[in-house]
Amino acid sequence: MKVLSLNTALVQDLLLDDGRRVPSGIAKRARSAAVELGALGLEGDAQADLSVHGGLSKAVYAYPSEHYAFWQTVRAQAGVAPWGETLAPGSLGENLTLVGLQEQQVWIGDVLRFPEAELVVSEPRYPCFKFNAVMGFKQAAKLMTQSAWCGFYLAVQTPGRLAAGQGFELIPGPREVGISELFRAKTGGSNKSRA
């Protein structure tokens, strides 16, 4: 298990399909050097709506790189991207693009131990209208809800530095509530959508 890419963004305007602009920190870009991690997240990263993203319990958002091929395909099928166009890491709004750890392997309270920092799994990510805008088509949030490929939020247990390429260890927590299980419970199952 490792970090394929470490991604940050400051708040900027996101253009919606109806022409409105809303503030958002979803447009993450890869960072090449190590980044300081504090209680509220990564240096150089920001969130526009702290009622749904950010804060102590949602300081960092992680997403499995294994799902990227799916999103590339559905974007091509929707006609918003050419076939074969790859999505850059961070395109789903995640701070950590991970390799080797997916939602069904993660439980609330699990710890991701990095060489210089520790993060605790806190909850799934629930998609909103901004996810549709950044993906470029109206059904993106619905597809995330149906697949339960939501990624997960992390709280900072031990501040430090994180970098792309770092390996990490998964330390099991109490293993009472899984990320996929909680996501499906809160979204009404795999056949319904919040979007």
N, C-alpha and C. Protein backbone atom coordinates (compact mmCIF):
# COMPACT_ATOMS: atom_id res chain seq x y z
N MET A 1 0.85 -1.17 0.00
CA MET A 1 0.00 0.00 0.00
C MET A 1 0.90 1.24 0.00
N LYS A 2 0.52 2.18 -0.87
CA LYS A 2 1.31 3.41 -0.92
C LYS A 2 0.49 4.57 -1.46
N VAL A 3 1.05 5.77 -1.33
CA VAL A 3 0.45 6.98 -1.88
C VAL A 3 0.97 7.15 -3.30
N LEU A 4 0.08 7.01 -4.27
CA LEU A 4 0.46 7.23 -5.66
C LEU A 4 0.69 8.71 -5.92
N SER A 5 -0.19 9.55 -5.35
CA SER A 5 -0.09 10.99 -5.55
C SER A 5 -0.63 11.71 -4.33
N LEU A 6 0.01 12.82 -3.96
CA LEU A 6 -0.45 13.69 -2.89
C LEU A 6 -0.93 14.98 -3.55
N ASN A 7 -2.18 15.40 -3.27
CA ASN A 7 -2.83 16.46 -4.03
C ASN A 7 -3.43 17.52 -3.12
N THR A 8 -3.30 18.78 -3.52
CA THR A 8 -3.89 19.88 -2.76
C THR A 8 -4.48 20.91 -3.72
N ALA A 9 -5.30 21.79 -3.16
CA ALA A 9 -5.86 22.91 -3.93
C ALA A 9 -6.33 23.98 -2.96
N LEU A 10 -6.22 25.21 -3.38
CA LEU A 10 -6.84 26.31 -2.66
C LEU A 10 -8.25 26.49 -3.22
N VAL A 11 -9.07 27.22 -2.51
CA VAL A 11 -10.44 27.46 -2.96
C VAL A 11 -10.41 28.36 -4.19
N GLN A 12 -11.16 27.95 -5.21
CA GLN A 12 -11.31 28.75 -6.42
C GLN A 12 -12.72 28.54 -6.96
N ASP A 13 -13.12 29.33 -7.95
CA ASP A 13 -14.45 29.18 -8.52
C ASP A 13 -14.55 27.93 -9.38
N LEU A 14 -15.64 27.20 -9.20
CA LEU A 14 -15.96 26.02 -10.00
C LEU A 14 -17.17 26.37 -10.85
N LEU A 15 -17.06 26.20 -12.16
CA LEU A 15 -18.16 26.50 -13.07
C LEU A 15 -19.13 25.34 -13.12
N LEU A 16 -20.40 25.60 -12.82
CA LEU A 16 -21.45 24.59 -12.87
C LEU A 16 -22.06 24.56 -14.26
N ASP A 17 -22.81 23.50 -14.58
CA ASP A 17 -23.38 23.37 -15.92
C ASP A 17 -24.45 24.42 -16.22
N ASP A 18 -25.00 25.06 -15.18
CA ASP A 18 -26.01 26.10 -15.40
C ASP A 18 -25.38 27.49 -15.51
N GLY A 19 -24.04 27.55 -15.53
CA GLY A 19 -23.34 28.81 -15.69
C GLY A 19 -22.96 29.51 -14.40
N ARG A 20 -23.49 29.03 -13.28
CA ARG A 20 -23.13 29.63 -11.99
C ARG A 20 -21.71 29.23 -11.61
N ARG A 21 -21.09 30.07 -10.80
CA ARG A 21 -19.77 29.77 -10.24
C ARG A 21 -19.92 29.65 -8.73
N VAL A 22 -19.33 28.60 -8.17
CA VAL A 22 -19.37 28.39 -6.73
C VAL A 22 -17.95 28.16 -6.23
N PRO A 23 -17.65 28.60 -5.01
CA PRO A 23 -16.31 28.35 -4.47
C PRO A 23 -16.13 26.87 -4.15
N SER A 24 -14.94 26.34 -4.43
CA SER A 24 -14.68 24.93 -4.18
C SER A 24 -13.17 24.68 -4.10
N GLY A 25 -12.81 23.67 -3.34
CA GLY A 25 -11.43 23.21 -3.26
C GLY A 25 -11.27 21.84 -3.88
N ILE A 26 -12.21 21.42 -4.75
CA ILE A 26 -12.22 20.07 -5.30
C ILE A 26 -11.16 19.85 -6.38
N ALA A 27 -10.71 20.90 -7.03
CA ALA A 27 -9.78 20.75 -8.16
C ALA A 27 -8.34 20.57 -7.67
N LYS A 28 -8.05 19.40 -7.13
CA LYS A 28 -6.73 19.13 -6.55
C LYS A 28 -5.70 18.87 -7.65
N ARG A 29 -4.44 19.24 -7.35
CA ARG A 29 -3.31 19.01 -8.25
C ARG A 29 -2.19 18.35 -7.46
N ALA A 30 -1.43 17.50 -8.15
CA ALA A 30 -0.35 16.75 -7.51
C ALA A 30 0.75 17.67 -7.03
N ARG A 31 1.32 17.32 -5.89
CA ARG A 31 2.47 18.03 -5.33
C ARG A 31 3.68 17.12 -5.46
N SER A 32 4.79 17.67 -5.87
CA SER A 32 5.98 16.85 -6.11
C SER A 32 6.84 16.64 -4.87
N ALA A 33 6.78 17.55 -3.93
CA ALA A 33 7.60 17.46 -2.72
C ALA A 33 6.75 17.03 -1.53
N ALA A 34 7.41 16.70 -0.43
CA ALA A 34 6.72 16.38 0.81
C ALA A 34 5.94 17.60 1.29
N VAL A 35 4.80 17.34 1.95
CA VAL A 35 3.91 18.40 2.41
C VAL A 35 3.66 18.21 3.90
N GLU A 36 3.66 19.32 4.64
CA GLU A 36 3.37 19.28 6.07
C GLU A 36 1.90 18.93 6.30
N LEU A 37 1.66 18.08 7.28
CA LEU A 37 0.33 17.66 7.66
C LEU A 37 0.07 18.13 9.09
N GLY A 38 -0.97 18.95 9.26
CA GLY A 38 -1.36 19.42 10.58
C GLY A 38 -2.73 18.87 10.94
N ALA A 39 -3.26 19.29 12.06
CA ALA A 39 -4.54 18.78 12.55
C ALA A 39 -5.69 19.01 11.56
N LEU A 40 -5.62 20.09 10.78
CA LEU A 40 -6.70 20.42 9.84
C LEU A 40 -6.37 20.03 8.40
N GLY A 41 -5.30 19.28 8.19
CA GLY A 41 -5.01 18.80 6.85
C GLY A 41 -3.65 19.20 6.33
N LEU A 42 -3.51 19.17 5.02
CA LEU A 42 -2.24 19.40 4.36
C LEU A 42 -1.99 20.88 4.10
N GLU A 43 -0.75 21.29 4.24
CA GLU A 43 -0.37 22.66 3.93
C GLU A 43 -0.68 22.93 2.45
N GLY A 44 -1.32 24.06 2.18
CA GLY A 44 -1.65 24.43 0.80
C GLY A 44 -2.95 23.84 0.31
N ASP A 45 -3.74 23.28 1.22
CA ASP A 45 -5.04 22.71 0.84
C ASP A 45 -6.14 23.45 1.60
N ALA A 46 -7.29 23.63 0.96
CA ALA A 46 -8.40 24.34 1.59
C ALA A 46 -9.72 23.77 1.10
N GLN A 47 -10.76 24.01 1.88
CA GLN A 47 -12.12 23.59 1.54
C GLN A 47 -13.03 24.81 1.60
N ALA A 48 -14.01 24.86 0.71
CA ALA A 48 -14.91 26.01 0.67
C ALA A 48 -16.07 25.88 1.63
N ASP A 49 -16.58 24.67 1.82
CA ASP A 49 -17.77 24.46 2.66
C ASP A 49 -17.41 23.51 3.79
N LEU A 50 -17.03 24.06 4.93
CA LEU A 50 -16.58 23.24 6.05
C LEU A 50 -17.71 22.47 6.72
N SER A 51 -18.95 22.68 6.30
CA SER A 51 -20.06 21.89 6.86
C SER A 51 -20.06 20.48 6.28
N VAL A 52 -19.41 20.28 5.14
CA VAL A 52 -19.40 18.96 4.51
C VAL A 52 -18.01 18.42 4.22
N HIS A 53 -17.00 19.27 4.17
CA HIS A 53 -15.62 18.85 3.91
C HIS A 53 -14.70 19.55 4.88
N GLY A 54 -13.62 18.91 5.25
CA GLY A 54 -12.63 19.54 6.10
C GLY A 54 -12.97 19.46 7.57
N GLY A 55 -12.22 20.19 8.38
CA GLY A 55 -12.37 20.12 9.82
C GLY A 55 -11.53 18.99 10.40
N LEU A 56 -11.59 18.82 11.69
CA LEU A 56 -10.76 17.83 12.37
C LEU A 56 -11.04 16.40 11.93
N SER A 57 -12.30 16.04 11.75
CA SER A 57 -12.62 14.65 11.41
C SER A 57 -12.49 14.35 9.92
N LYS A 58 -12.45 15.39 9.10
CA LYS A 58 -12.34 15.20 7.64
C LYS A 58 -11.19 16.04 7.10
N ALA A 59 -10.04 15.92 7.75
CA ALA A 59 -8.87 16.74 7.40
C ALA A 59 -8.24 16.33 6.09
N VAL A 60 -8.31 15.03 5.77
CA VAL A 60 -7.68 14.49 4.56
C VAL A 60 -8.66 13.53 3.90
N TYR A 61 -8.73 13.59 2.57
CA TYR A 61 -9.60 12.70 1.81
C TYR A 61 -8.74 11.77 0.96
N ALA A 62 -8.98 10.47 1.09
CA ALA A 62 -8.23 9.46 0.34
C ALA A 62 -9.14 8.74 -0.65
N TYR A 63 -8.59 8.42 -1.83
CA TYR A 63 -9.38 7.73 -2.86
C TYR A 63 -8.51 6.66 -3.54
N PRO A 64 -9.06 5.46 -3.76
CA PRO A 64 -8.30 4.38 -4.40
C PRO A 64 -8.06 4.65 -5.89
N SER A 65 -6.82 4.53 -6.30
CA SER A 65 -6.47 4.71 -7.72
C SER A 65 -7.09 3.62 -8.58
N GLU A 66 -7.42 2.49 -7.99
CA GLU A 66 -8.00 1.37 -8.74
C GLU A 66 -9.33 1.72 -9.41
N HIS A 67 -10.02 2.75 -8.93
CA HIS A 67 -11.31 3.16 -9.51
C HIS A 67 -11.17 4.14 -10.67
N TYR A 68 -9.97 4.63 -10.91
CA TYR A 68 -9.78 5.66 -11.94
C TYR A 68 -10.17 5.18 -13.34
N ALA A 69 -9.90 3.93 -13.68
CA ALA A 69 -10.25 3.41 -15.01
C ALA A 69 -11.76 3.49 -15.24
N PHE A 70 -12.54 3.20 -14.21
CA PHE A 70 -14.00 3.29 -14.30
C PHE A 70 -14.41 4.72 -14.63
N TRP A 71 -13.88 5.70 -13.90
CA TRP A 71 -14.27 7.09 -14.12
C TRP A 71 -13.82 7.59 -15.50
N GLN A 72 -12.67 7.15 -15.95
CA GLN A 72 -12.22 7.52 -17.30
C GLN A 72 -13.18 6.97 -18.35
N THR A 73 -13.63 5.74 -18.16
CA THR A 73 -14.55 5.11 -19.11
C THR A 73 -15.90 5.80 -19.13
N VAL A 74 -16.49 6.05 -17.95
CA VAL A 74 -17.82 6.67 -17.93
C VAL A 74 -17.78 8.11 -18.43
N ARG A 75 -16.68 8.81 -18.21
CA ARG A 75 -16.56 10.16 -18.76
C ARG A 75 -16.51 10.12 -20.29
N ALA A 76 -15.82 9.13 -20.83
CA ALA A 76 -15.79 8.97 -22.29
C ALA A 76 -17.17 8.59 -22.82
N GLN A 77 -17.86 7.69 -22.12
CA GLN A 77 -19.21 7.30 -22.53
C GLN A 77 -20.18 8.47 -22.49
N ALA A 78 -19.99 9.37 -21.53
CA ALA A 78 -20.84 10.56 -21.41
C ALA A 78 -20.48 11.64 -22.42
N GLY A 79 -19.37 11.45 -23.15
CA GLY A 79 -18.97 12.40 -24.17
C GLY A 79 -18.27 13.64 -23.64
N VAL A 80 -17.78 13.59 -22.40
CA VAL A 80 -17.12 14.77 -21.83
C VAL A 80 -15.60 14.65 -21.87
N ALA A 81 -15.10 13.50 -22.31
CA ALA A 81 -13.65 13.29 -22.43
C ALA A 81 -13.41 12.30 -23.56
N PRO A 82 -12.30 12.42 -24.27
CA PRO A 82 -11.99 11.46 -25.33
C PRO A 82 -11.66 10.09 -24.75
N TRP A 83 -11.92 9.04 -25.53
CA TRP A 83 -11.54 7.69 -25.12
C TRP A 83 -10.03 7.65 -24.94
N GLY A 84 -9.59 7.02 -23.88
CA GLY A 84 -8.17 6.89 -23.62
C GLY A 84 -7.56 8.04 -22.85
N GLU A 85 -8.31 9.12 -22.63
CA GLU A 85 -7.78 10.24 -21.85
C GLU A 85 -7.71 9.83 -20.39
N THR A 86 -6.55 10.01 -19.79
CA THR A 86 -6.41 9.64 -18.39
C THR A 86 -6.77 10.82 -17.49
N LEU A 87 -7.33 10.49 -16.35
CA LEU A 87 -7.62 11.50 -15.33
C LEU A 87 -6.36 11.68 -14.49
N ALA A 88 -6.01 12.90 -14.24
CA ALA A 88 -4.85 13.18 -13.39
C ALA A 88 -5.20 12.85 -11.94
N PRO A 89 -4.24 12.36 -11.16
CA PRO A 89 -4.50 12.14 -9.74
C PRO A 89 -5.00 13.43 -9.10
N GLY A 90 -5.95 13.27 -8.18
CA GLY A 90 -6.58 14.42 -7.54
C GLY A 90 -7.85 14.85 -8.22
N SER A 91 -8.17 14.27 -9.38
CA SER A 91 -9.34 14.67 -10.16
C SER A 91 -10.66 14.41 -9.45
N LEU A 92 -10.67 13.50 -8.49
CA LEU A 92 -11.90 13.22 -7.75
C LEU A 92 -11.96 14.02 -6.45
N GLY A 93 -11.04 14.96 -6.31
CA GLY A 93 -11.03 15.83 -5.14
C GLY A 93 -10.24 15.28 -3.97
N GLU A 94 -9.52 14.18 -4.19
CA GLU A 94 -8.81 13.55 -3.08
C GLU A 94 -7.45 14.17 -2.83
N ASN A 95 -7.05 14.14 -1.56
CA ASN A 95 -5.71 14.56 -1.17
C ASN A 95 -4.70 13.44 -1.38
N LEU A 96 -5.12 12.21 -1.10
CA LEU A 96 -4.24 11.06 -1.25
C LEU A 96 -4.84 10.09 -2.26
N THR A 97 -4.16 9.91 -3.38
CA THR A 97 -4.54 8.88 -4.34
C THR A 97 -3.76 7.64 -3.94
N LEU A 98 -4.48 6.63 -3.47
CA LEU A 98 -3.84 5.44 -2.89
C LEU A 98 -3.79 4.27 -3.85
N VAL A 99 -2.81 3.41 -3.64
CA VAL A 99 -2.68 2.14 -4.35
C VAL A 99 -2.74 1.02 -3.31
N GLY A 100 -3.62 0.05 -3.52
CA GLY A 100 -3.63 -1.14 -2.68
C GLY A 100 -4.58 -1.10 -1.50
N LEU A 101 -5.43 -0.10 -1.39
CA LEU A 101 -6.39 -0.03 -0.29
C LEU A 101 -7.70 0.54 -0.81
N GLN A 102 -8.74 -0.31 -0.80
CA GLN A 102 -10.05 0.10 -1.29
C GLN A 102 -11.07 0.11 -0.15
N GLU A 103 -12.23 0.71 -0.42
CA GLU A 103 -13.25 0.95 0.60
C GLU A 103 -13.65 -0.31 1.37
N GLN A 104 -13.80 -1.43 0.70
CA GLN A 104 -14.26 -2.65 1.38
C GLN A 104 -13.21 -3.22 2.34
N GLN A 105 -12.00 -2.68 2.32
CA GLN A 105 -10.92 -3.12 3.21
C GLN A 105 -10.71 -2.17 4.39
N VAL A 106 -11.55 -1.13 4.47
CA VAL A 106 -11.32 -0.06 5.44
C VAL A 106 -12.51 0.06 6.38
N TRP A 107 -12.21 0.27 7.67
CA TRP A 107 -13.21 0.38 8.73
C TRP A 107 -12.98 1.68 9.50
N ILE A 108 -14.07 2.23 10.05
CA ILE A 108 -13.97 3.40 10.91
C ILE A 108 -13.02 3.07 12.06
N GLY A 109 -12.05 3.93 12.31
CA GLY A 109 -11.10 3.72 13.38
C GLY A 109 -9.80 3.06 12.96
N ASP A 110 -9.72 2.55 11.74
CA ASP A 110 -8.45 2.03 11.24
C ASP A 110 -7.44 3.16 11.16
N VAL A 111 -6.17 2.84 11.32
CA VAL A 111 -5.11 3.84 11.26
C VAL A 111 -4.20 3.57 10.07
N LEU A 112 -3.91 4.62 9.30
CA LEU A 112 -2.91 4.55 8.24
C LEU A 112 -1.63 5.13 8.83
N ARG A 113 -0.64 4.26 9.02
CA ARG A 113 0.62 4.69 9.63
C ARG A 113 1.66 4.91 8.54
N PHE A 114 2.07 6.17 8.41
CA PHE A 114 3.09 6.58 7.46
C PHE A 114 4.42 6.72 8.20
N PRO A 115 5.54 6.89 7.50
CA PRO A 115 6.82 7.04 8.18
C PRO A 115 6.85 8.18 9.20
N GLU A 116 6.14 9.29 8.91
CA GLU A 116 6.20 10.45 9.80
C GLU A 116 4.84 10.93 10.30
N ALA A 117 3.78 10.20 10.03
CA ALA A 117 2.44 10.67 10.41
C ALA A 117 1.48 9.49 10.53
N GLU A 118 0.37 9.73 11.24
CA GLU A 118 -0.69 8.73 11.34
C GLU A 118 -2.03 9.39 11.11
N LEU A 119 -2.87 8.73 10.32
CA LEU A 119 -4.21 9.20 10.00
C LEU A 119 -5.22 8.14 10.41
N VAL A 120 -6.37 8.57 10.93
CA VAL A 120 -7.41 7.65 11.39
C VAL A 120 -8.63 7.78 10.47
N VAL A 121 -9.14 6.65 10.00
CA VAL A 121 -10.32 6.63 9.13
C VAL A 121 -11.53 7.10 9.92
N SER A 122 -12.24 8.12 9.39
CA SER A 122 -13.36 8.70 10.13
C SER A 122 -14.72 8.47 9.49
N GLU A 123 -14.82 8.53 8.16
CA GLU A 123 -16.12 8.33 7.50
C GLU A 123 -15.95 8.28 5.99
N PRO A 124 -17.00 7.80 5.29
CA PRO A 124 -16.96 7.83 3.82
C PRO A 124 -17.14 9.26 3.31
N ARG A 125 -16.81 9.45 2.05
CA ARG A 125 -17.10 10.73 1.39
C ARG A 125 -18.47 10.56 0.70
N TYR A 126 -19.32 11.55 0.83
CA TYR A 126 -20.63 11.55 0.17
C TYR A 126 -20.59 12.57 -0.95
N PRO A 127 -20.90 12.16 -2.18
CA PRO A 127 -20.77 13.07 -3.32
C PRO A 127 -21.86 14.15 -3.33
N CYS A 128 -21.51 15.29 -3.90
CA CYS A 128 -22.46 16.40 -4.02
C CYS A 128 -22.44 16.93 -5.46
N PHE A 129 -23.18 17.99 -5.69
CA PHE A 129 -23.30 18.57 -7.03
C PHE A 129 -21.95 19.02 -7.58
N LYS A 130 -21.00 19.35 -6.71
CA LYS A 130 -19.68 19.77 -7.19
C LYS A 130 -18.94 18.61 -7.84
N PHE A 131 -19.20 17.40 -7.37
CA PHE A 131 -18.58 16.22 -7.98
C PHE A 131 -19.09 16.06 -9.42
N ASN A 132 -20.38 16.27 -9.65
CA ASN A 132 -20.93 16.24 -11.01
C ASN A 132 -20.21 17.26 -11.89
N ALA A 133 -20.01 18.47 -11.36
CA ALA A 133 -19.38 19.54 -12.14
C ALA A 133 -17.95 19.19 -12.50
N VAL A 134 -17.18 18.68 -11.55
CA VAL A 134 -15.78 18.39 -11.82
C VAL A 134 -15.62 17.18 -12.75
N MET A 135 -16.55 16.23 -12.68
CA MET A 135 -16.51 15.07 -13.58
C MET A 135 -17.06 15.42 -14.97
N GLY A 136 -17.90 16.46 -15.04
CA GLY A 136 -18.38 16.93 -16.33
C GLY A 136 -19.70 16.36 -16.80
N PHE A 137 -20.37 15.57 -15.95
CA PHE A 137 -21.69 15.06 -16.34
C PHE A 137 -22.56 14.86 -15.10
N LYS A 138 -23.89 14.97 -15.29
CA LYS A 138 -24.85 15.04 -14.19
C LYS A 138 -25.03 13.74 -13.41
N GLN A 139 -24.63 12.62 -13.95
CA GLN A 139 -24.86 11.34 -13.28
C GLN A 139 -23.67 10.86 -12.45
N ALA A 140 -22.62 11.66 -12.34
CA ALA A 140 -21.41 11.22 -11.64
C ALA A 140 -21.69 10.88 -10.17
N ALA A 141 -22.38 11.76 -9.45
CA ALA A 141 -22.67 11.50 -8.03
C ALA A 141 -23.53 10.25 -7.88
N LYS A 142 -24.47 10.07 -8.79
CA LYS A 142 -25.32 8.88 -8.75
C LYS A 142 -24.49 7.61 -8.96
N LEU A 143 -23.54 7.66 -9.88
CA LEU A 143 -22.68 6.50 -10.12
C LEU A 143 -21.80 6.21 -8.92
N MET A 144 -21.31 7.25 -8.25
CA MET A 144 -20.51 7.02 -7.05
C MET A 144 -21.37 6.36 -5.98
N THR A 145 -22.60 6.81 -5.84
CA THR A 145 -23.50 6.25 -4.85
C THR A 145 -23.82 4.79 -5.16
N GLN A 146 -24.09 4.48 -6.42
CA GLN A 146 -24.43 3.10 -6.80
C GLN A 146 -23.24 2.15 -6.62
N SER A 147 -22.05 2.61 -6.93
CA SER A 147 -20.86 1.75 -6.85
C SER A 147 -20.29 1.66 -5.44
N ALA A 148 -20.58 2.65 -4.61
CA ALA A 148 -19.99 2.81 -3.27
C ALA A 148 -18.47 2.98 -3.36
N TRP A 149 -17.99 3.45 -4.50
CA TRP A 149 -16.58 3.80 -4.67
C TRP A 149 -16.42 5.26 -4.27
N CYS A 150 -16.49 5.49 -2.98
CA CYS A 150 -16.59 6.84 -2.43
C CYS A 150 -15.30 7.37 -1.84
N GLY A 151 -14.33 6.52 -1.56
CA GLY A 151 -13.16 6.95 -0.83
C GLY A 151 -13.52 7.19 0.62
N PHE A 152 -12.59 7.76 1.39
CA PHE A 152 -12.85 7.94 2.81
C PHE A 152 -12.05 9.11 3.37
N TYR A 153 -12.63 9.70 4.42
CA TYR A 153 -11.99 10.80 5.12
C TYR A 153 -11.12 10.27 6.25
N LEU A 154 -10.13 11.07 6.59
CA LEU A 154 -9.19 10.72 7.65
C LEU A 154 -8.98 11.90 8.59
N ALA A 155 -8.90 11.61 9.88
CA ALA A 155 -8.51 12.60 10.88
C ALA A 155 -7.02 12.42 11.15
N VAL A 156 -6.37 13.49 11.54
CA VAL A 156 -4.93 13.44 11.80
C VAL A 156 -4.70 13.03 13.25
N GLN A 157 -4.07 11.88 13.45
CA GLN A 157 -3.73 11.42 14.79
C GLN A 157 -2.34 11.89 15.19
N THR A 158 -1.41 11.83 14.24
CA THR A 158 -0.05 12.29 14.47
C THR A 158 0.37 13.16 13.30
N PRO A 159 0.52 14.47 13.50
CA PRO A 159 0.98 15.35 12.42
C PRO A 159 2.39 14.98 11.97
N GLY A 160 2.74 15.39 10.77
CA GLY A 160 4.07 15.11 10.24
C GLY A 160 4.17 15.56 8.81
N ARG A 161 4.86 14.79 8.00
CA ARG A 161 5.01 15.11 6.57
C ARG A 161 4.55 13.90 5.76
N LEU A 162 3.88 14.18 4.66
CA LEU A 162 3.45 13.14 3.72
C LEU A 162 4.01 13.47 2.35
N ALA A 163 4.21 12.43 1.54
CA ALA A 163 4.73 12.64 0.19
C ALA A 163 4.24 11.52 -0.72
N ALA A 164 4.14 11.84 -1.99
CA ALA A 164 3.84 10.82 -3.00
C ALA A 164 4.94 9.75 -2.96
N GLY A 165 4.53 8.51 -3.16
CA GLY A 165 5.48 7.41 -3.17
C GLY A 165 5.67 6.75 -1.81
N GLN A 166 5.20 7.39 -0.75
CA GLN A 166 5.36 6.81 0.58
C GLN A 166 4.48 5.58 0.74
N GLY A 167 5.05 4.56 1.34
CA GLY A 167 4.27 3.40 1.75
C GLY A 167 3.64 3.67 3.10
N PHE A 168 2.62 2.89 3.42
CA PHE A 168 1.99 3.01 4.73
C PHE A 168 1.47 1.65 5.17
N GLU A 169 1.23 1.54 6.45
CA GLU A 169 0.72 0.32 7.06
C GLU A 169 -0.71 0.58 7.53
N LEU A 170 -1.59 -0.38 7.35
CA LEU A 170 -2.95 -0.28 7.86
C LEU A 170 -3.02 -1.00 9.20
N ILE A 171 -3.31 -0.22 10.25
CA ILE A 171 -3.44 -0.77 11.60
C ILE A 171 -4.93 -0.91 11.90
N PRO A 172 -5.45 -2.13 12.05
CA PRO A 172 -6.88 -2.30 12.28
C PRO A 172 -7.37 -1.61 13.54
N GLY A 173 -8.52 -0.97 13.43
CA GLY A 173 -9.21 -0.38 14.57
C GLY A 173 -10.17 -1.41 15.15
N PRO A 174 -11.29 -0.95 15.73
CA PRO A 174 -12.22 -1.89 16.35
C PRO A 174 -12.97 -2.79 15.36
N ARG A 175 -12.97 -2.42 14.09
CA ARG A 175 -13.60 -3.21 13.04
C ARG A 175 -15.09 -3.48 13.28
N GLU A 176 -15.80 -2.42 13.66
CA GLU A 176 -17.24 -2.53 13.90
C GLU A 176 -18.07 -2.02 12.73
N VAL A 177 -17.61 -0.95 12.06
CA VAL A 177 -18.37 -0.37 10.94
C VAL A 177 -17.42 -0.14 9.77
N GLY A 178 -17.72 -0.78 8.64
CA GLY A 178 -16.91 -0.63 7.44
C GLY A 178 -17.31 0.60 6.64
N ILE A 179 -16.38 1.11 5.86
CA ILE A 179 -16.65 2.29 5.02
C ILE A 179 -17.77 2.01 4.02
N SER A 180 -17.69 0.90 3.28
CA SER A 180 -18.73 0.59 2.28
C SER A 180 -20.08 0.38 2.95
N GLU A 181 -20.09 -0.31 4.09
CA GLU A 181 -21.32 -0.57 4.83
C GLU A 181 -21.98 0.73 5.28
N LEU A 182 -21.19 1.63 5.86
CA LEU A 182 -21.73 2.90 6.33
C LEU A 182 -22.21 3.76 5.17
N PHE A 183 -21.44 3.79 4.09
CA PHE A 183 -21.83 4.57 2.92
C PHE A 183 -23.17 4.10 2.38
N ARG A 184 -23.33 2.79 2.22
CA ARG A 184 -24.60 2.24 1.70
C ARG A 184 -25.76 2.49 2.67
N ALA A 185 -25.51 2.39 3.97
CA ALA A 185 -26.56 2.65 4.95
C ALA A 185 -27.04 4.09 4.89
N LYS A 186 -26.12 5.03 4.74
CA LYS A 186 -26.50 6.44 4.72
C LYS A 186 -27.05 6.91 3.38
N THR A 187 -26.74 6.20 2.30
CA THR A 187 -27.24 6.61 0.98
C THR A 187 -28.45 5.79 0.55
N GLY A 188 -28.89 4.86 1.38
CA GLY A 188 -30.07 4.07 1.05
C GLY A 188 -29.77 2.85 0.20
N GLY A 189 -28.54 2.41 0.18
CA GLY A 189 -28.20 1.22 -0.58
C GLY A 189 -27.64 1.55 -1.93
N SER A 190 -27.30 0.54 -2.69
CA SER A 190 -26.63 0.72 -3.97
C SER A 190 -27.57 1.15 -5.09
N ASN A 191 -28.88 1.14 -4.87
CA ASN A 191 -29.80 1.48 -5.96
C ASN A 191 -30.39 2.87 -5.85
N LYS A 192 -30.00 3.61 -4.82
CA LYS A 192 -30.54 4.96 -4.64
C LYS A 192 -29.41 5.97 -4.61
N SER A 193 -29.74 7.22 -4.85
CA SER A 193 -28.72 8.28 -4.90
C SER A 193 -29.14 9.46 -4.07
N ARG A 194 -28.15 10.13 -3.47
CA ARG A 194 -28.38 11.39 -2.76
C ARG A 194 -28.39 12.56 -3.72
N ALA A 195 -27.85 12.36 -4.92
CA ALA A 195 -27.67 13.46 -5.86
C ALA A 195 -28.92 13.72 -6.67
